[in-house]
Protein backbone atom coordinates (compact mmCIF):
# COMPACT_ATOMS: atom_id res chain seq x y z
CA MET A 1 7.55 55.78 144.22
CA ALA A 2 6.83 53.35 141.39
CA LYS A 3 3.48 51.55 141.37
CA ALA A 4 5.15 48.19 141.96
CA ASP A 5 7.04 49.55 144.98
CA LYS A 6 3.89 51.19 146.30
CA GLY A 7 1.95 47.92 145.96
CA ALA A 8 4.66 45.94 147.73
CA THR A 9 4.84 48.51 150.52
CA MET A 10 1.07 48.47 151.00
CA SER A 11 1.09 44.67 151.08
CA ARG A 12 3.80 44.66 153.75
CA LEU A 13 1.93 47.27 155.80
CA TYR A 14 -1.27 45.24 155.57
CA SER A 15 0.57 42.11 156.69
CA ALA A 16 2.25 43.91 159.58
CA ALA A 17 -1.08 45.38 160.71
CA ARG A 18 -2.75 41.96 160.55
CA LEU A 19 0.06 40.38 162.58
CA ALA A 20 -0.11 43.19 165.15
CA ARG A 21 -3.90 42.74 165.49
CA THR A 22 -3.47 38.98 165.90
CA ALA A 23 -0.77 39.44 168.56
CA LEU A 24 -2.88 42.02 170.41
CA ALA A 25 -5.95 39.76 170.32
CA ALA A 26 -3.93 36.88 171.78
CA ARG A 27 -2.53 39.08 174.56
CA LEU A 28 -5.96 40.52 175.38
CA LEU A 29 -7.46 37.02 175.48
CA ASP A 30 -4.89 36.15 178.16
CA HIS A 31 -6.60 38.82 180.30
CA GLY A 32 -10.14 37.70 179.43
CA PHE A 33 -10.89 40.23 176.70
CA TYR A 34 -12.11 39.66 173.19
CA ALA A 35 -11.39 41.93 170.22
CA GLY A 36 -13.11 45.30 170.58
CA GLN A 37 -13.74 45.06 174.29
CA ASP A 38 -10.42 46.71 175.04
CA GLN A 39 -11.52 49.94 173.38
CA ILE A 40 -14.48 50.34 175.74
CA MET A 41 -12.33 49.48 178.74
CA LEU A 42 -9.68 52.02 177.74
CA ALA A 43 -12.28 54.73 177.05
CA LEU A 44 -13.71 54.20 180.54
CA HIS A 45 -10.22 54.16 182.02
CA VAL A 46 -9.76 57.67 180.60
CA GLU A 47 -13.25 58.87 181.58
CA ASP A 48 -15.28 56.57 183.81
CA GLY A 49 -19.06 56.91 183.98
CA GLN A 50 -19.87 57.50 180.32
CA THR A 51 -23.22 56.57 178.83
CA PRO A 52 -23.40 53.88 176.14
CA GLY A 53 -24.23 56.64 173.62
CA GLN A 54 -21.15 58.61 174.57
CA LEU A 55 -18.99 55.51 174.24
CA ALA A 56 -20.47 54.70 170.84
CA GLN A 57 -19.81 58.22 169.60
CA ARG A 58 -16.27 58.28 171.01
CA LEU A 59 -15.43 54.91 169.42
CA GLY A 60 -17.20 55.58 166.13
CA VAL A 61 -19.52 52.58 166.33
CA ARG A 62 -23.27 52.10 166.52
CA PRO A 63 -24.94 52.14 169.96
CA PRO A 64 -26.28 48.55 169.68
CA THR A 65 -22.70 47.34 169.18
CA VAL A 66 -21.56 49.15 172.33
CA THR A 67 -24.55 47.93 174.32
CA LYS A 68 -23.86 44.31 173.38
CA THR A 69 -20.19 44.65 174.33
CA ILE A 70 -21.02 46.43 177.60
CA ASN A 71 -23.40 43.60 178.52
CA ARG A 72 -20.70 41.01 177.86
CA LEU A 73 -18.13 42.95 179.89
CA GLN A 74 -20.66 43.33 182.70
CA ILE A 75 -21.24 39.55 182.74
CA GLN A 76 -17.46 39.07 182.88
CA GLY A 77 -17.36 41.38 185.92
CA PHE A 78 -15.29 44.18 184.32
CA LEU A 79 -18.04 46.83 184.18
CA GLU A 80 -21.17 47.89 185.99
CA LYS A 81 -24.09 50.05 184.93
CA ARG A 82 -25.60 52.61 187.28
CA ALA A 83 -28.70 54.72 186.83
CA SER A 84 -28.08 58.41 186.26
CA SER A 85 -28.74 60.63 189.27
CA SER A 86 -30.26 63.28 187.00
CA ASP A 87 -32.17 61.14 184.46
CA ALA A 88 -33.51 57.74 185.50
CA ARG A 89 -33.87 56.74 181.84
CA GLN A 90 -30.12 57.00 181.35
CA ALA A 91 -27.45 54.57 182.55
CA HIS A 92 -23.76 55.26 183.06
CA VAL A 93 -21.04 52.65 182.72
CA TYR A 94 -18.22 52.29 185.23
CA LEU A 95 -15.20 50.06 185.57
CA THR A 96 -15.36 47.64 188.48
CA GLU A 97 -12.31 46.96 190.62
CA THR A 98 -11.81 43.82 188.52
CA GLY A 99 -11.91 46.00 185.41
CA ARG A 100 -9.35 48.43 186.84
CA ASP A 101 -7.10 45.51 187.81
CA ALA A 102 -7.35 44.17 184.26
CA ILE A 103 -6.37 47.55 182.80
CA ARG A 104 -3.36 47.71 185.14
CA ALA A 105 -2.33 44.18 184.12
CA ILE A 106 -2.59 45.04 180.42
CA ASP A 107 -0.59 48.25 180.96
CA LYS A 108 2.28 46.17 182.31
């Protein structure tokens, strides 16, 4: 592939990705989610009850970023934190029924 063709292809891919992200953000906002929150919700949908550290590792972000997002989702009523039964210093994050309903609505 010539350099000019490669550059044009990369530009088109970048534009398509940007448009897809914009469309996804608009659709998620219709369900009360902001960009990035969906990843935590989906990770908990797959495996509920993870710690913030586990979520951060799974998503490849820093723990403070996950903690901030978890707190926002908790305020919105999508998540709840519960103390660990084996280590009181540790909290686990769970989807609420509202959170599960939101995931089902997004899946549709």
